[in-house]
Amino acid sequence: MSQMPEEVRQEVKNLMTEYSHHLDDMEDAEKVVALFTPDAAVDFSAVGFPVMNGEDEIRAFYAGLLPAMQAQFHDMANFRPASWDGEIAIAETYVIGMGQPKDGDLIHVHVKYRWECVETESGWKCRRFSLMPLMPA
């Protein structure tokens, strides 16, 4: 593995930041979907959610999630490039997330995001996103 170039590192970090902002804005699932490749996989199975394959399943998940939330907040820290092979950039970051569903109890999570990203004709996109819990919910 070679060292990830600084411009790639920044592009991937920006992509992850945009994801958190779009989640917290809770306005448009399409803004979240646009961050992923059409064939992306989002794997939240470590916290009891399904693996979503492709933009239709990813869209359905976020289109259901965003309107169900009254408020949410995601804070990313300790961003770290994990791998770079010249084409695929993998990065990780810790996230503290809080959310208040319209119906239900407050959600508070400590997780690590892992994003596998590639450069496309329309910029950097995530092709695989997984998370793992760092502390019990």
Protein backbone atom coordinates (compact mmCIF):
# COMPACT_ATOMS: atom_id res chain seq x y z
CA MET A 1 0.00 0.00 0.00
CA SER A 2 1.30 3.41 -0.92
CA GLN A 3 0.55 6.63 0.90
CA MET A 4 -2.72 8.26 -0.11
CA PRO A 5 -2.07 11.54 -1.95
CA GLU A 6 -3.18 14.61 -0.02
CA GLU A 7 -5.68 15.65 -2.71
CA VAL A 8 -7.33 12.20 -2.62
CA ARG A 9 -7.37 12.24 1.18
CA GLN A 10 -9.13 15.62 1.14
CA GLU A 11 -11.67 14.52 -1.50
CA VAL A 12 -12.61 11.44 0.53
CA LYS A 13 -12.81 13.44 3.76
CA ASN A 14 -15.04 15.99 2.01
CA LEU A 15 -17.27 13.19 0.72
CA MET A 16 -17.72 11.80 4.23
CA THR A 17 -18.40 15.29 5.60
CA GLU A 18 -21.06 15.91 2.96
CA TYR A 19 -22.71 12.63 3.95
CA SER A 20 -23.01 13.74 7.58
CA HIS A 21 -24.31 17.17 6.61
CA HIS A 22 -26.94 15.73 4.27
CA LEU A 23 -28.08 13.33 7.00
CA ASP A 24 -28.37 16.13 9.53
CA ASP A 25 -30.15 18.48 7.11
CA MET A 26 -32.81 15.76 6.71
CA GLU A 27 -34.02 17.44 3.53
CA ASP A 28 -33.36 15.20 0.56
CA ALA A 29 -32.42 11.54 0.33
CA GLU A 30 -31.22 12.15 -3.24
CA LYS A 31 -28.35 14.27 -1.89
CA VAL A 32 -27.22 11.25 0.13
CA VAL A 33 -27.67 8.82 -2.76
CA ALA A 34 -25.61 11.10 -5.04
CA LEU A 35 -22.54 10.43 -2.88
CA PHE A 36 -22.51 6.74 -3.88
CA THR A 37 -21.76 4.85 -7.06
CA PRO A 38 -24.85 3.27 -8.68
CA ASP A 39 -23.66 -0.21 -7.62
CA ALA A 40 -22.60 0.79 -4.09
CA ALA A 41 -23.16 -1.33 -1.01
CA VAL A 42 -24.02 0.15 2.38
CA ASP A 43 -23.54 -2.38 5.17
CA PHE A 44 -25.05 -1.51 8.55
CA SER A 45 -25.48 -5.15 9.57
CA ALA A 46 -23.15 -4.68 12.58
CA VAL A 47 -25.85 -2.53 14.18
CA GLY A 48 -28.86 -4.57 13.09
CA PHE A 49 -29.79 -2.88 9.82
CA PRO A 50 -29.79 -4.51 6.39
CA VAL A 51 -27.08 -4.48 3.78
CA MET A 52 -28.25 -2.21 0.97
CA ASN A 53 -27.04 -3.03 -2.53
CA GLY A 54 -27.34 -0.49 -5.31
CA GLU A 55 -28.79 2.97 -5.43
CA ASP A 56 -32.44 1.82 -5.35
CA GLU A 57 -32.02 0.05 -1.99
CA ILE A 58 -29.86 2.88 -0.64
CA ARG A 59 -32.46 5.43 -1.76
CA ALA A 60 -35.31 3.47 -0.16
CA PHE A 61 -33.45 3.31 3.17
CA TYR A 62 -32.66 7.03 3.37
CA ALA A 63 -36.03 8.08 1.92
CA GLY A 64 -37.62 6.22 4.85
CA LEU A 65 -35.10 7.35 7.47
CA LEU A 66 -35.00 11.09 6.91
CA PRO A 67 -38.74 11.82 7.28
CA ALA A 68 -38.92 9.56 10.34
CA MET A 69 -36.45 11.71 12.26
CA GLN A 70 -37.27 14.86 14.22
CA ALA A 71 -33.60 15.78 14.53
CA GLN A 72 -30.19 14.18 14.21
CA PHE A 73 -26.54 15.06 14.64
CA HIS A 74 -23.34 13.35 13.49
CA ASP A 75 -19.88 14.42 14.65
CA MET A 76 -16.87 12.92 12.87
CA ALA A 77 -13.41 12.73 14.41
CA ASN A 78 -10.08 10.97 13.90
CA PHE A 79 -10.30 10.70 10.12
CA ARG A 80 -7.65 8.28 8.91
CA PRO A 81 -6.70 7.04 5.46
CA ALA A 82 -6.61 3.25 5.75
CA SER A 83 -5.57 2.14 2.27
CA TRP A 84 -4.61 3.48 -1.15
CA ASP A 85 -3.73 1.33 -4.14
CA GLY A 86 -3.63 4.09 -6.73
CA GLU A 87 -7.34 3.81 -7.58
CA ILE A 88 -9.28 2.80 -4.47
CA ALA A 89 -9.15 5.01 -1.39
CA ILE A 90 -10.30 3.53 1.90
CA ALA A 91 -10.74 5.80 4.90
CA GLU A 92 -12.13 5.49 8.39
CA THR A 93 -13.50 7.97 10.88
CA TYR A 94 -15.09 7.78 14.31
CA VAL A 95 -18.63 9.11 14.59
CA ILE A 96 -20.79 10.11 17.50
CA GLY A 97 -24.36 10.15 16.29
CA MET A 98 -27.53 11.23 18.02
CA GLY A 99 -31.03 11.21 16.69
CA GLN A 100 -34.56 11.79 17.88
CA PRO A 101 -37.10 9.82 15.90
CA LYS A 102 -40.56 11.38 15.61
CA ASP A 103 -41.83 8.20 17.24
CA GLY A 104 -39.42 6.57 19.66
CA ASP A 105 -36.57 7.03 22.05
CA LEU A 106 -33.41 9.06 21.58
CA ILE A 107 -30.70 7.19 19.66
CA HIS A 108 -27.05 7.68 20.63
CA VAL A 109 -24.29 5.75 18.85
CA HIS A 110 -20.51 5.60 18.77
CA VAL A 111 -19.39 3.95 15.55
CA LYS A 112 -16.52 3.80 13.08
CA TYR A 113 -17.33 4.52 9.44
CA ARG A 114 -15.28 2.76 6.76
CA TRP A 115 -15.63 4.15 3.25
CA GLU A 116 -14.20 2.63 0.08
CA CYS A 117 -14.13 5.35 -2.56
CA VAL A 118 -13.32 5.64 -6.26
CA GLU A 119 -12.98 8.54 -8.63
CA THR A 120 -15.76 8.68 -11.22
CA GLU A 121 -16.54 11.03 -14.11
CA SER A 122 -18.59 13.12 -11.67
CA GLY A 123 -16.00 13.16 -8.88
CA TRP A 124 -15.20 10.92 -5.92
CA LYS A 125 -17.95 8.54 -4.83
CA CYS A 126 -18.31 5.86 -2.20
CA ARG A 127 -18.72 2.32 -3.49
CA ARG A 128 -18.79 0.56 -0.11
CA PHE A 129 -19.76 1.99 3.26
CA SER A 130 -19.75 -0.05 6.42
CA LEU A 131 -19.80 0.80 10.07
CA MET A 132 -18.97 -0.98 13.27
CA PRO A 133 -19.98 -0.10 16.82
CA LEU A 134 -17.27 1.26 19.10
CA MET A 135 -19.44 1.33 22.24
CA PRO A 136 -22.83 -0.16 23.04
CA ALA A 137 -25.78 1.91 21.81
